[in-house]
Amino acid sequence: MSEATERAREMNVFDPGCTSREILEHATGRWGGLVLAALVDGPMRFAELRRAVAGIGDRMLAQTLQRLEADGLVSRTEISTIPPHVEYDLTDLGRPIAEQVCRLIDVIYRQLPGIVAHQRAR
């Protein structure tokens, strides 16, 4: 058993009532993971995020950002300019998680030819 698996078991991540499950879902779910990955290079405005995460609707993006902000992974900063705007950025809690999501994306990309070949062979 890997060290990470051992730690996860100790944290009780496999218990349906464990808080970490909810955070795991927010950070690695379809939209949460993509939003975190998009923010890895720095703060973005709402419209920039929407363009970066192609296919996400305004409502889903807003809900995803609210969840990630409530978890402490993303910060929301109102900028007093004309016109005013809001920027989203990773927090100190969110940055290492976002970096791991990017690593997972990289592993998936590297394994993609084999995955596609397997899917086609079925």
PDB file of N, CA and C in Angstrom:
ATOM      1  N   MET A   1       0.849  -1.173   0.000  1.00  0.00           N
ATOM      2  CA  MET A   1       0.000   0.000   0.000  1.00  0.00           C
ATOM      3  C   MET A   1       0.897   1.239   0.000  1.00  0.00           C
ATOM      4  N   SER A   2       0.574   2.243  -0.829  1.00  0.00           N
ATOM      5  CA  SER A   2       1.396   3.441  -0.911  1.00  0.00           C
ATOM      6  C   SER A   2       1.214   4.305   0.335  1.00  0.00           C
ATOM      7  N   GLU A   3       2.182   5.198   0.548  1.00  0.00           N
ATOM      8  CA  GLU A   3       2.124   6.107   1.700  1.00  0.00           C
ATOM      9  C   GLU A   3       0.888   7.002   1.618  1.00  0.00           C
ATOM     10  N   ALA A   4       0.571   7.469   0.410  1.00  0.00           N
ATOM     11  CA  ALA A   4      -0.603   8.325   0.234  1.00  0.00           C
ATOM     12  C   ALA A   4      -1.887   7.575   0.580  1.00  0.00           C
ATOM     13  N   THR A   5      -1.983   6.318   0.157  1.00  0.00           N
ATOM     14  CA  THR A   5      -3.161   5.509   0.464  1.00  0.00           C
ATOM     15  C   THR A   5      -3.266   5.290   1.967  1.00  0.00           C
ATOM     16  N   GLU A   6      -2.133   5.033   2.585  1.00  0.00           N
ATOM     17  CA  GLU A   6      -2.109   4.839   4.036  1.00  0.00           C
ATOM     18  C   GLU A   6      -2.611   6.087   4.767  1.00  0.00           C
ATOM     19  N   ARG A   7      -2.097   7.260   4.353  1.00  0.00           N
ATOM     20  CA  ARG A   7      -2.540   8.517   4.980  1.00  0.00           C
ATOM     21  C   ARG A   7      -4.030   8.730   4.760  1.00  0.00           C
ATOM     22  N   ALA A   8      -4.505   8.429   3.541  1.00  0.00           N
ATOM     23  CA  ALA A   8      -5.925   8.611   3.238  1.00  0.00           C
ATOM     24  C   ALA A   8      -6.783   7.731   4.135  1.00  0.00           C
ATOM     25  N   ARG A   9      -6.353   6.506   4.352  1.00  0.00           N
ATOM     26  CA  ARG A   9      -7.104   5.604   5.227  1.00  0.00           C
ATOM     27  C   ARG A   9      -7.128   6.125   6.657  1.00  0.00           C
ATOM     28  N   GLU A  10      -6.011   6.668   7.111  1.00  0.00           N
ATOM     29  CA  GLU A  10      -5.949   7.228   8.457  1.00  0.00           C
ATOM     30  C   GLU A  10      -6.865   8.439   8.592  1.00  0.00           C
ATOM     31  N   MET A  11      -7.008   9.206   7.502  1.00  0.00           N
ATOM     32  CA  MET A  11      -7.872  10.381   7.528  1.00  0.00           C
ATOM     33  C   MET A  11      -9.327   9.982   7.364  1.00  0.00           C
ATOM     34  N   ASN A  12      -9.546   8.714   7.068  1.00  0.00           N
ATOM     35  CA  ASN A  12     -10.900   8.189   6.936  1.00  0.00           C
ATOM     36  C   ASN A  12     -11.610   8.680   5.670  1.00  0.00           C
ATOM     37  N   VAL A  13     -10.843   8.958   4.613  1.00  0.00           N
ATOM     38  CA  VAL A  13     -11.417   9.436   3.364  1.00  0.00           C
ATOM     39  C   VAL A  13     -12.423   8.444   2.783  1.00  0.00           C
ATOM     40  N   PHE A  14     -12.302   7.178   3.156  1.00  0.00           N
ATOM     41  CA  PHE A  14     -13.223   6.171   2.636  1.00  0.00           C
ATOM     42  C   PHE A  14     -14.525   6.102   3.429  1.00  0.00           C
ATOM     43  N   ASP A  15     -14.609   6.874   4.492  1.00  0.00           N
ATOM     44  CA  ASP A  15     -15.841   6.980   5.288  1.00  0.00           C
ATOM     45  C   ASP A  15     -16.760   7.989   4.603  1.00  0.00           C
ATOM     46  N   PRO A  16     -17.993   7.609   4.278  1.00  0.00           N
ATOM     47  CA  PRO A  16     -18.900   8.529   3.572  1.00  0.00           C
ATOM     48  C   PRO A  16     -19.141   9.844   4.313  1.00  0.00           C
ATOM     49  N   GLY A  17     -18.940   9.874   5.609  1.00  0.00           N
ATOM     50  CA  GLY A  17     -19.178  11.100   6.363  1.00  0.00           C
ATOM     51  C   GLY A  17     -17.951  11.988   6.507  1.00  0.00           C
ATOM     52  N   CYS A  18     -16.826  11.570   5.943  1.00  0.00           N
ATOM     53  CA  CYS A  18     -15.572  12.323   6.088  1.00  0.00           C
ATOM     54  C   CYS A  18     -15.626  13.603   5.252  1.00  0.00           C
ATOM     55  N   THR A  19     -15.289  14.717   5.877  1.00  0.00           N
ATOM     56  CA  THR A  19     -15.287  16.017   5.202  1.00  0.00           C
ATOM     57  C   THR A  19     -14.359  16.035   4.004  1.00  0.00           C
ATOM     58  N   SER A  20     -13.276  15.271   4.072  1.00  0.00           N
ATOM     59  CA  SER A  20     -12.315  15.279   2.971  1.00  0.00           C
ATOM     60  C   SER A  20     -12.946  14.814   1.661  1.00  0.00           C
ATOM     61  N   ARG A  21     -13.964  13.977   1.738  1.00  0.00           N
ATOM     62  CA  ARG A  21     -14.640  13.513   0.515  1.00  0.00           C
ATOM     63  C   ARG A  21     -15.255  14.665  -0.250  1.00  0.00           C
ATOM     64  N   GLU A  22     -15.883  15.571   0.476  1.00  0.00           N
ATOM     65  CA  GLU A  22     -16.522  16.722  -0.156  1.00  0.00           C
ATOM     66  C   GLU A  22     -15.470  17.606  -0.835  1.00  0.00           C
ATOM     67  N   ILE A  23     -14.352  17.844  -0.146  1.00  0.00           N
ATOM     68  CA  ILE A  23     -13.279  18.655  -0.714  1.00  0.00           C
ATOM     69  C   ILE A  23     -12.689  17.944  -1.934  1.00  0.00           C
ATOM     70  N   LEU A  24     -12.503  16.637  -1.823  1.00  0.00           N
ATOM     71  CA  LEU A  24     -11.983  15.851  -2.942  1.00  0.00           C
ATOM     72  C   LEU A  24     -12.894  15.995  -4.159  1.00  0.00           C
ATOM     73  N   GLU A  25     -14.184  15.932  -3.934  1.00  0.00           N
ATOM     74  CA  GLU A  25     -15.138  16.087  -5.032  1.00  0.00           C
ATOM     75  C   GLU A  25     -15.046  17.483  -5.642  1.00  0.00           C
ATOM     76  N   HIS A  26     -14.966  18.513  -4.817  1.00  0.00           N
ATOM     77  CA  HIS A  26     -14.886  19.885  -5.318  1.00  0.00           C
ATOM     78  C   HIS A  26     -13.602  20.111  -6.118  1.00  0.00           C
ATOM     79  N   ALA A  27     -12.500  19.557  -5.645  1.00  0.00           N
ATOM     80  CA  ALA A  27     -11.199  19.807  -6.270  1.00  0.00           C
ATOM     81  C   ALA A  27     -10.937  18.938  -7.490  1.00  0.00           C
ATOM     82  N   THR A  28     -11.560  17.773  -7.552  1.00  0.00           N
ATOM     83  CA  THR A  28     -11.252  16.863  -8.656  1.00  0.00           C
ATOM     84  C   THR A  28     -12.446  16.574  -9.548  1.00  0.00           C
ATOM     85  N   GLY A  29     -13.574  17.147  -9.236  1.00  0.00           N
ATOM     86  CA  GLY A  29     -14.733  16.966 -10.094  1.00  0.00           C
ATOM     87  C   GLY A  29     -14.499  17.622 -11.446  1.00  0.00           C
ATOM     88  N   ARG A  30     -15.385  17.389 -12.348  1.00  0.00           N
ATOM     89  CA  ARG A  30     -15.225  17.863 -13.725  1.00  0.00           C
ATOM     90  C   ARG A  30     -14.826  19.334 -13.801  1.00  0.00           C
ATOM     91  N   TRP A  31     -15.566  20.201 -13.163  1.00  0.00           N
ATOM     92  CA  TRP A  31     -15.317  21.635 -13.299  1.00  0.00           C
ATOM     93  C   TRP A  31     -14.313  22.151 -12.282  1.00  0.00           C
ATOM     94  N   GLY A  32     -14.355  21.654 -11.061  1.00  0.00           N
ATOM     95  CA  GLY A  32     -13.438  22.130 -10.030  1.00  0.00           C
ATOM     96  C   GLY A  32     -11.984  21.921 -10.410  1.00  0.00           C
ATOM     97  N   GLY A  33     -11.675  20.746 -10.911  1.00  0.00           N
ATOM     98  CA  GLY A  33     -10.309  20.453 -11.318  1.00  0.00           C
ATOM     99  C   GLY A  33      -9.840  21.355 -12.452  1.00  0.00           C
ATOM    100  N   LEU A  34     -10.719  21.618 -13.405  1.00  0.00           N
ATOM    101  CA  LEU A  34     -10.361  22.475 -14.528  1.00  0.00           C
ATOM    102  C   LEU A  34     -10.174  23.926 -14.089  1.00  0.00           C
ATOM    103  N   VAL A  35     -11.020  24.396 -13.183  1.00  0.00           N
ATOM    104  CA  VAL A  35     -10.881  25.762 -12.673  1.00  0.00           C
ATOM    105  C   VAL A  35      -9.574  25.893 -11.893  1.00  0.00           C
ATOM    106  N   LEU A  36      -9.275  24.935 -11.026  1.00  0.00           N
ATOM    107  CA  LEU A  36      -8.026  24.983 -10.273  1.00  0.00           C
ATOM    108  C   LEU A  36      -6.832  24.981 -11.227  1.00  0.00           C
ATOM    109  N   ALA A  37      -6.863  24.128 -12.235  1.00  0.00           N
ATOM    110  CA  ALA A  37      -5.759  24.064 -13.198  1.00  0.00           C
ATOM    111  C   ALA A  37      -5.619  25.379 -13.962  1.00  0.00           C
ATOM    112  N   ALA A  38      -6.735  26.000 -14.299  1.00  0.00           N
ATOM    113  CA  ALA A  38      -6.689  27.270 -15.032  1.00  0.00           C
ATOM    114  C   ALA A  38      -6.061  28.379 -14.188  1.00  0.00           C
ATOM    115  N   LEU A  39      -6.239  28.315 -12.877  1.00  0.00           N
ATOM    116  CA  LEU A  39      -5.735  29.362 -11.987  1.00  0.00           C
ATOM    117  C   LEU A  39      -4.275  29.161 -11.577  1.00  0.00           C
ATOM    118  N   VAL A  40      -3.667  28.062 -11.998  1.00  0.00           N
ATOM    119  CA  VAL A  40      -2.295  27.771 -11.588  1.00  0.00           C
ATOM    120  C   VAL A  40      -1.321  28.871 -12.007  1.00  0.00           C
ATOM    121  N   ASP A  41      -1.546  29.490 -13.139  1.00  0.00           N
ATOM    122  CA  ASP A  41      -0.610  30.511 -13.631  1.00  0.00           C
ATOM    123  C   ASP A  41      -0.888  31.903 -13.098  1.00  0.00           C
ATOM    124  N   GLY A  42      -1.913  32.063 -12.273  1.00  0.00           N
ATOM    125  CA  GLY A  42      -2.175  33.368 -11.677  1.00  0.00           C
ATOM    126  C   GLY A  42      -3.638  33.740 -11.709  1.00  0.00           C
ATOM    127  N   PRO A  43      -3.950  34.895 -11.130  1.00  0.00           N
ATOM    128  CA  PRO A  43      -5.349  35.329 -11.012  1.00  0.00           C
ATOM    129  C   PRO A  43      -6.015  35.537 -12.370  1.00  0.00           C
ATOM    130  N   MET A  44      -7.320  35.315 -12.359  1.00  0.00           N
ATOM    131  CA  MET A  44      -8.112  35.494 -13.577  1.00  0.00           C
ATOM    132  C   MET A  44      -9.454  36.112 -13.221  1.00  0.00           C
ATOM    133  N   ARG A  45      -9.971  36.868 -14.158  1.00  0.00           N
ATOM    134  CA  ARG A  45     -11.324  37.393 -14.020  1.00  0.00           C
ATOM    135  C   ARG A  45     -12.311  36.304 -14.438  1.00  0.00           C
ATOM    136  N   PHE A  46     -13.574  36.503 -14.090  1.00  0.00           N
ATOM    137  CA  PHE A  46     -14.625  35.527 -14.367  1.00  0.00           C
ATOM    138  C   PHE A  46     -14.667  35.168 -15.850  1.00  0.00           C
ATOM    139  N   ALA A  47     -14.697  36.188 -16.712  1.00  0.00           N
ATOM    140  CA  ALA A  47     -14.796  35.940 -18.160  1.00  0.00           C
ATOM    141  C   ALA A  47     -13.565  35.198 -18.680  1.00  0.00           C
ATOM    142  N   GLU A  48     -12.390  35.501 -18.121  1.00  0.00           N
ATOM    143  CA  GLU A  48     -11.178  34.790 -18.531  1.00  0.00           C
ATOM    144  C   GLU A  48     -11.277  33.316 -18.157  1.00  0.00           C
ATOM    145  N   LEU A  49     -11.782  33.053 -16.963  1.00  0.00           N
ATOM    146  CA  LEU A  49     -11.965  31.667 -16.530  1.00  0.00           C
ATOM    147  C   LEU A  49     -12.959  30.941 -17.419  1.00  0.00           C
ATOM    148  N   ARG A  50     -14.039  31.620 -17.748  1.00  0.00           N
ATOM    149  CA  ARG A  50     -15.061  31.006 -18.613  1.00  0.00           C
ATOM    150  C   ARG A  50     -14.464  30.630 -19.961  1.00  0.00           C
ATOM    151  N   ARG A  51     -13.607  31.495 -20.512  1.00  0.00           N
ATOM    152  CA  ARG A  51     -12.956  31.180 -21.788  1.00  0.00           C
ATOM    153  C   ARG A  51     -11.927  30.059 -21.621  1.00  0.00           C
ATOM    154  N   ALA A  52     -11.199  30.077 -20.512  1.00  0.00           N
ATOM    155  CA  ALA A  52     -10.169  29.056 -20.278  1.00  0.00           C
ATOM    156  C   ALA A  52     -10.782  27.670 -20.101  1.00  0.00           C
ATOM    157  N   VAL A  53     -11.922  27.617 -19.410  1.00  0.00           N
ATOM    158  CA  VAL A  53     -12.601  26.345 -19.144  1.00  0.00           C
ATOM    159  C   VAL A  53     -13.760  26.236 -20.136  1.00  0.00           C
ATOM    160  N   ALA A  54     -13.415  26.039 -21.373  1.00  0.00           N
ATOM    161  CA  ALA A  54     -14.406  26.003 -22.446  1.00  0.00           C
ATOM    162  C   ALA A  54     -15.498  24.981 -22.138  1.00  0.00           C
ATOM    163  N   GLY A  55     -16.734  25.392 -22.366  1.00  0.00           N
ATOM    164  CA  GLY A  55     -17.862  24.486 -22.173  1.00  0.00           C
ATOM    165  C   GLY A  55     -18.600  24.683 -20.867  1.00  0.00           C
ATOM    166  N   ILE A  56     -18.020  25.410 -19.928  1.00  0.00           N
ATOM    167  CA  ILE A  56     -18.692  25.649 -18.646  1.00  0.00           C
ATOM    168  C   ILE A  56     -19.605  26.861 -18.794  1.00  0.00           C
ATOM    169  N   GLY A  57     -20.802  26.754 -18.250  1.00  0.00           N
ATOM    170  CA  GLY A  57     -21.742  27.867 -18.281  1.00  0.00           C
ATOM    171  C   GLY A  57     -21.489  28.826 -17.134  1.00  0.00           C
ATOM    172  N   ASP A  58     -22.043  30.010 -17.245  1.00  0.00           N
ATOM    173  CA  ASP A  58     -21.870  31.028 -16.209  1.00  0.00           C
ATOM    174  C   ASP A  58     -22.330  30.541 -14.838  1.00  0.00           C
ATOM    175  N   ARG A  59     -23.484  29.924 -14.809  1.00  0.00           N
ATOM    176  CA  ARG A  59     -24.042  29.467 -13.525  1.00  0.00           C
ATOM    177  C   ARG A  59     -23.157  28.395 -12.883  1.00  0.00           C
ATOM    178  N   MET A  60     -22.709  27.432 -13.689  1.00  0.00           N
ATOM    179  CA  MET A  60     -21.861  26.363 -13.162  1.00  0.00           C
ATOM    180  C   MET A  60     -20.514  26.909 -12.717  1.00  0.00           C
ATOM    181  N   LEU A  61     -19.958  27.852 -13.467  1.00  0.00           N
ATOM    182  CA  LEU A  61     -18.691  28.460 -13.077  1.00  0.00           C
ATOM    183  C   LEU A  61     -18.849  29.206 -11.761  1.00  0.00           C
ATOM    184  N   ALA A  62     -19.930  29.958 -11.633  1.00  0.00           N
ATOM    185  CA  ALA A  62     -20.170  30.698 -10.382  1.00  0.00           C
ATOM    186  C   ALA A  62     -20.309  29.733  -9.206  1.00  0.00           C
ATOM    187  N   GLN A  63     -21.057  28.651  -9.381  1.00  0.00           N
ATOM    188  CA  GLN A  63     -21.227  27.665  -8.303  1.00  0.00           C
ATOM    189  C   GLN A  63     -19.903  26.993  -7.950  1.00  0.00           C
ATOM    190  N   THR A  64     -19.117  26.661  -8.968  1.00  0.00           N
ATOM    191  CA  THR A  64     -17.828  26.016  -8.742  1.00  0.00           C
ATOM    192  C   THR A  64     -16.898  26.947  -7.977  1.00  0.00           C
ATOM    193  N   LEU A  65     -16.838  28.205  -8.387  1.00  0.00           N
ATOM    194  CA  LEU A  65     -15.994  29.179  -7.691  1.00  0.00           C
ATOM    195  C   LEU A  65     -16.453  29.379  -6.249  1.00  0.00           C
ATOM    196  N   GLN A  66     -17.769  29.420  -6.029  1.00  0.00           N
ATOM    197  CA  GLN A  66     -18.291  29.571  -4.667  1.00  0.00           C
ATOM    198  C   GLN A  66     -17.877  28.393  -3.796  1.00  0.00           C
ATOM    199  N   ARG A  67     -17.967  27.183  -4.329  1.00  0.00           N
ATOM    200  CA  ARG A  67     -17.572  25.993  -3.564  1.00  0.00           C
ATOM    201  C   ARG A  67     -16.079  26.022  -3.238  1.00  0.00           C
ATOM    202  N   LEU A  68     -15.271  26.326  -4.236  1.00  0.00           N
ATOM    203  CA  LEU A  68     -13.824  26.358  -4.029  1.00  0.00           C
ATOM    204  C   LEU A  68     -13.428  27.477  -3.067  1.00  0.00           C
ATOM    205  N   GLU A  69     -14.149  28.591  -3.136  1.00  0.00           N
ATOM    206  CA  GLU A  69     -13.893  29.695  -2.200  1.00  0.00           C
ATOM    207  C   GLU A  69     -14.307  29.294  -0.783  1.00  0.00           C
ATOM    208  N   ALA A  70     -15.449  28.637  -0.648  1.00  0.00           N
ATOM    209  CA  ALA A  70     -15.925  28.194   0.672  1.00  0.00           C
ATOM    210  C   ALA A  70     -14.964  27.167   1.283  1.00  0.00           C
ATOM    211  N   ASP A  71     -14.294  26.384   0.442  1.00  0.00           N
ATOM    212  CA  ASP A  71     -13.318  25.398   0.918  1.00  0.00           C
ATOM    213  C   ASP A  71     -11.971  26.040   1.242  1.00  0.00           C
ATOM    214  N   GLY A  72     -11.808  27.303   0.865  1.00  0.00           N
ATOM    215  CA  GLY A  72     -10.546  27.991   1.115  1.00  0.00           C
ATOM    216  C   GLY A  72      -9.490  27.748   0.057  1.00  0.00           C
ATOM    217  N   LEU A  73      -9.883  27.198  -1.092  1.00  0.00           N
ATOM    218  CA  LEU A  73      -8.924  26.884  -2.150  1.00  0.00           C
ATOM    219  C   LEU A  73      -8.738  28.038  -3.128  1.00  0.00           C
ATOM    220  N   VAL A  74      -9.756  28.885  -3.238  1.00  0.00           N
ATOM    221  CA  VAL A  74      -9.744  30.013  -4.173  1.00  0.00           C
ATOM    222  C   VAL A  74     -10.143  31.268  -3.412  1.00  0.00           C
ATOM    223  N   SER A  75      -9.503  32.377  -3.756  1.00  0.00           N
ATOM    224  CA  SER A  75      -9.885  33.659  -3.165  1.00  0.00           C
ATOM    225  C   SER A  75     -10.566  34.512  -4.228  1.00  0.00           C
ATOM    226  N   ARG A  76     -11.433  35.376  -3.762  1.00  0.00           N
ATOM    227  CA  ARG A  76     -12.176  36.290  -4.631  1.00  0.00           C
ATOM    228  C   ARG A  76     -11.842  37.702  -4.170  1.00  0.00           C
ATOM    229  N   THR A  77     -11.293  38.511  -5.089  1.00  0.00           N
ATOM    230  CA  THR A  77     -10.887  39.869  -4.745  1.00  0.00           C
ATOM    231  C   THR A  77     -11.617  40.853  -5.636  1.00  0.00           C
ATOM    232  N   GLU A  78     -12.315  41.790  -5.006  1.00  0.00           N
ATOM    233  CA  GLU A  78     -12.988  42.844  -5.762  1.00  0.00           C
ATOM    234  C   GLU A  78     -11.985  43.966  -6.000  1.00  0.00           C
ATOM    235  N   ILE A  79     -11.819  44.351  -7.257  1.00  0.00           N
ATOM    236  CA  ILE A  79     -10.876  45.393  -7.645  1.00  0.00           C
ATOM    237  C   ILE A  79     -11.665  46.674  -7.920  1.00  0.00           C
ATOM    238  N   SER A  80     -11.297  47.735  -7.226  1.00  0.00           N
ATOM    239  CA  SER A  80     -12.000  49.021  -7.374  1.00  0.00           C
ATOM    240  C   SER A  80     -11.417  49.799  -8.542  1.00  0.00           C
ATOM    241  N   THR A  81     -11.865  49.443  -9.718  1.00  0.00           N
ATOM    242  CA  THR A  81     -11.480  50.161 -10.924  1.00  0.00           C
ATOM    243  C   THR A  81     -12.756  50.605 -11.612  1.00  0.00           C
ATOM    244  N   ILE A  82     -12.598  51.323 -12.693  1.00  0.00           N
ATOM    245  CA  ILE A  82     -13.765  51.707 -13.477  1.00  0.00           C
ATOM    246  C   ILE A  82     -13.640  51.008 -14.817  1.00  0.00           C
ATOM    247  N   PRO A  83     -14.498  50.075 -15.158  1.00  0.00           N
ATOM    248  CA  PRO A  83     -15.535  49.502 -14.288  1.00  0.00           C
ATOM    249  C   PRO A  83     -14.906  48.541 -13.268  1.00  0.00           C
ATOM    250  N   PRO A  84     -15.595  48.347 -12.139  1.00  0.00           N
ATOM    251  CA  PRO A  84     -15.073  47.422 -11.123  1.00  0.00           C
ATOM    252  C   PRO A  84     -15.074  45.984 -11.655  1.00  0.00           C
ATOM    253  N   HIS A  85     -14.159  45.187 -11.152  1.00  0.00           N
ATOM    254  CA  HIS A  85     -14.155  43.781 -11.533  1.00  0.00           C
ATOM    255  C   HIS A  85     -13.649  42.925 -10.385  1.00  0.00           C
ATOM    256  N   VAL A  86     -13.796  41.620 -10.572  1.00  0.00           N
ATOM    257  CA  VAL A  86     -13.435  40.640  -9.551  1.00  0.00           C
ATOM    258  C   VAL A  86     -12.381  39.716 -10.140  1.00  0.00           C
ATOM    259  N   GLU A  87     -11.382  39.381  -9.323  1.00  0.00           N
ATOM    260  CA  GLU A  87     -10.372  38.410  -9.730  1.00  0.00           C
ATOM    261  C   GLU A  87     -10.411  37.216  -8.794  1.00  0.00           C
ATOM    262  N   TYR A  88     -10.153  36.058  -9.359  1.00  0.00           N
ATOM    263  CA  TYR A  88     -10.076  34.818  -8.595  1.00  0.00           C
ATOM    264  C   TYR A  88      -8.642  34.325  -8.649  1.00  0.00           C
ATOM    265  N   ASP A  89      -8.177  33.782  -7.533  1.00  0.00           N
ATOM    266  CA  ASP A  89      -6.810  33.296  -7.456  1.00  0.00           C
ATOM    267  C   ASP A  89      -6.753  32.109  -6.503  1.00  0.00           C
ATOM    268  N   LEU A  90      -5.704  31.323  -6.623  1.00  0.00           N
ATOM    269  CA  LEU A  90      -5.499  30.219  -5.694  1.00  0.00           C
ATOM    270  C   LEU A  90      -5.008  30.761  -4.359  1.00  0.00           C
ATOM    271  N   THR A  91      -5.435  30.138  -3.296  1.00  0.00           N
ATOM    272  CA  THR A  91      -4.933  30.474  -1.974  1.00  0.00           C
ATOM    273  C   THR A  91      -3.731  29.584  -1.665  1.00  0.00           C
ATOM    274  N   ASP A  92      -3.126  29.812  -0.521  1.00  0.00           N
ATOM    275  CA  ASP A  92      -2.021  28.947  -0.094  1.00  0.00           C
ATOM    276  C   ASP A  92      -2.507  27.509   0.099  1.00  0.00           C
ATOM    277  N   LEU A  93      -3.762  27.336   0.465  1.00  0.00           N
ATOM    278  CA  LEU A  93      -4.330  25.988   0.589  1.00  0.00           C
ATOM    279  C   LEU A  93      -4.609  25.380  -0.781  1.00  0.00           C
ATOM    280  N   GLY A  94      -5.026  26.206  -1.716  1.00  0.00           N
ATOM    281  CA  GLY A  94      -5.426  25.715  -3.028  1.00  0.00           C
ATOM    282  C   GLY A  94      -4.281  25.442  -3.984  1.00  0.00           C
ATOM    283  N   ARG A  95      -3.178  26.187  -3.848  1.00  0.00           N
ATOM    284  CA  ARG A  95      -2.066  26.037  -4.794  1.00  0.00           C
ATOM    285  C   ARG A  95      -1.512  24.614  -4.862  1.00  0.00           C
ATOM    286  N   PRO A  96      -1.168  23.972  -3.725  1.00  0.00           N
ATOM    287  CA  PRO A  96      -0.629  22.614  -3.852  1.00  0.00           C
ATOM    288  C   PRO A  96      -1.640  21.622  -4.427  1.00  0.00           C
ATOM    289  N   ILE A  97      -2.906  21.842  -4.154  1.00  0.00           N
ATOM    290  CA  ILE A  97      -3.939  20.961  -4.709  1.00  0.00           C
ATOM    291  C   ILE A  97      -4.033  21.171  -6.218  1.00  0.00           C
ATOM    292  N   ALA A  98      -4.031  22.432  -6.653  1.00  0.00           N
ATOM    293  CA  ALA A  98      -4.091  22.739  -8.084  1.00  0.00           C
ATOM    294  C   ALA A  98      -2.881  22.168  -8.812  1.00  0.00           C
ATOM    295  N   GLU A  99      -1.707  22.246  -8.185  1.00  0.00           N
ATOM    296  CA  GLU A  99      -0.506  21.698  -8.811  1.00  0.00           C
ATOM    297  C   GLU A  99      -0.609  20.180  -8.964  1.00  0.00           C
ATOM    298  N   GLN A 100      -1.199  19.520  -7.978  1.00  0.00           N
ATOM    299  CA  GLN A 100      -1.400  18.065  -8.084  1.00  0.00           C
ATOM    300  C   GLN A 100      -2.427  17.732  -9.162  1.00  0.00           C
ATOM    301  N   VAL A 101      -3.469  18.543  -9.294  1.00  0.00           N
ATOM    302  CA  VAL A 101      -4.452  18.338 -10.364  1.00  0.00           C
ATOM    303  C   VAL A 101      -3.752  18.458 -11.719  1.00  0.00           C
ATOM    304  N   CYS A 102      -2.857  19.430 -11.852  1.00  0.00           N
ATOM    305  CA  CYS A 102      -2.113  19.593 -13.108  1.00  0.00           C
ATOM    306  C   CYS A 102      -1.224  18.381 -13.370  1.00  0.00           C
ATOM    307  N   ARG A 103      -0.641  17.832 -12.317  1.00  0.00           N
ATOM    308  CA  ARG A 103       0.173  16.615 -12.484  1.00  0.00           C
ATOM    309  C   ARG A 103      -0.699  15.445 -12.949  1.00  0.00           C
ATOM    310  N   LEU A 104      -1.896  15.343 -12.379  1.00  0.00           N
ATOM    311  CA  LEU A 104      -2.818  14.291 -12.802  1.00  0.00           C
ATOM    312  C   LEU A 104      -3.191  14.464 -14.267  1.00  0.00           C
ATOM    313  N   ILE A 105      -3.466  15.687 -14.672  1.00  0.00           N
ATOM    314  CA  ILE A 105      -3.783  15.966 -16.076  1.00  0.00           C
ATOM    315  C   ILE A 105      -2.622  15.539 -16.960  1.00  0.00           C
ATOM    316  N   ASP A 106      -1.400  15.840 -16.532  1.00  0.00           N
ATOM    317  CA  ASP A 106      -0.211  15.458 -17.295  1.00  0.00           C
ATOM    318  C   ASP A 106      -0.112  13.942 -17.429  1.00  0.00           C
ATOM    319  N   VAL A 107      -0.349  13.211 -16.345  1.00  0.00           N
ATOM    320  CA  VAL A 107      -0.298  11.743 -16.396  1.00  0.00           C
ATOM    321  C   VAL A 107      -1.359  11.213 -17.361  1.00  0.00           C
ATOM    322  N   ILE A 108      -2.537  11.791 -17.298  1.00  0.00           N
ATOM    323  CA  ILE A 108      -3.606  11.359 -18.208  1.00  0.00           C
ATOM    324  C   ILE A 108      -3.200  11.601 -19.655  1.00  0.00           C
ATOM    325  N   TYR A 109      -2.631  12.775 -19.948  1.00  0.00           N
ATOM    326  CA  TYR A 109      -2.170  13.060 -21.311  1.00  0.00           C
ATOM    327  C   TYR A 109      -1.135  12.043 -21.776  1.00  0.00           C
ATOM    328  N   ARG A 110      -0.194  11.706 -20.883  1.00  0.00           N
ATOM    329  CA  ARG A 110       0.848  10.749 -21.258  1.00  0.00           C
ATOM    330  C   ARG A 110       0.277   9.349 -21.485  1.00  0.00           C
ATOM    331  N   GLN A 111      -0.774   8.987 -20.775  1.00  0.00           N
ATOM    332  CA  GLN A 111      -1.383   7.661 -20.909  1.00  0.00           C
ATOM    333  C   GLN A 111      -2.477   7.622 -21.977  1.00  0.00           C
ATOM    334  N   LEU A 112      -2.828   8.779 -22.507  1.00  0.00           N
ATOM    335  CA  LEU A 112      -3.964   8.876 -23.428  1.00  0.00           C
ATOM    336  C   LEU A 112      -3.857   7.972 -24.651  1.00  0.00           C
ATOM    337  N   PRO A 113      -2.705   7.864 -25.315  1.00  0.00           N
ATOM    338  CA  PRO A 113      -2.657   6.959 -26.478  1.00  0.00           C
ATOM    339  C   PRO A 113      -3.038   5.521 -26.108  1.00  0.00           C
ATOM    340  N   GLY A 114      -2.541   5.035 -24.989  1.00  0.00           N
ATOM    341  CA  GLY A 114      -2.884   3.682 -24.557  1.00  0.00           C
ATOM    342  C   GLY A 114      -4.341   3.547 -24.172  1.00  0.00           C
ATOM    343  N   ILE A 115      -4.882   4.578 -23.534  1.00  0.00           N
ATOM    344  CA  ILE A 115      -6.293   4.566 -23.131  1.00  0.00           C
ATOM    345  C   ILE A 115      -7.184   4.538 -24.363  1.00  0.00           C
ATOM    346  N   VAL A 116      -6.869   5.402 -25.339  1.00  0.00           N
ATOM    347  CA  VAL A 116      -7.665   5.455 -26.571  1.00  0.00           C
ATOM    348  C   VAL A 116      -7.577   4.124 -27.318  1.00  0.00           C
ATOM    349  N   ALA A 117      -6.390   3.549 -27.381  1.00  0.00           N
ATOM    350  CA  ALA A 117      -6.232   2.248 -28.041  1.00  0.00           C
ATOM    351  C   ALA A 117      -7.059   1.181 -27.338  1.00  0.00           C
ATOM    352  N   HIS A 118      -7.059   1.198 -26.025  1.00  0.00           N
ATOM    353  CA  HIS A 118      -7.859   0.238 -25.265  1.00  0.00           C
ATOM    354  C   HIS A 118      -9.350   0.425 -25.545  1.00  0.00           C
ATOM    355  N   GLN A 119      -9.808   1.663 -25.557  1.00  0.00           N
ATOM    356  CA  GLN A 119     -11.217   1.934 -25.807  1.00  0.00           C
ATOM    357  C   GLN A 119     -11.622   1.471 -27.200  1.00  0.00           C
ATOM    358  N   ARG A 120     -10.778   1.690 -28.168  1.00  0.00           N
ATOM    359  CA  ARG A 120     -11.100   1.307 -29.549  1.00  0.00           C
ATOM    360  C   ARG A 120     -11.101  -0.202 -29.735  1.00  0.00           C
ATOM    361  N   ALA A 121     -10.296  -0.902 -28.932  1.00  0.00           N
ATOM    362  CA  ALA A 121     -10.195  -2.355 -29.055  1.00  0.00           C
ATOM    363  C   ALA A 121     -11.394  -3.072 -28.466  1.00  0.00           C
ATOM    364  N   ARG A 122     -12.196  -2.389 -27.690  1.00  0.00           N
ATOM    365  CA  ARG A 122     -13.342  -3.028 -27.039  1.00  0.00           C
ATOM    366  C   ARG A 122     -14.482  -3.250 -27.972  1.00  0.00           C
TER     367      ARG A 122
END
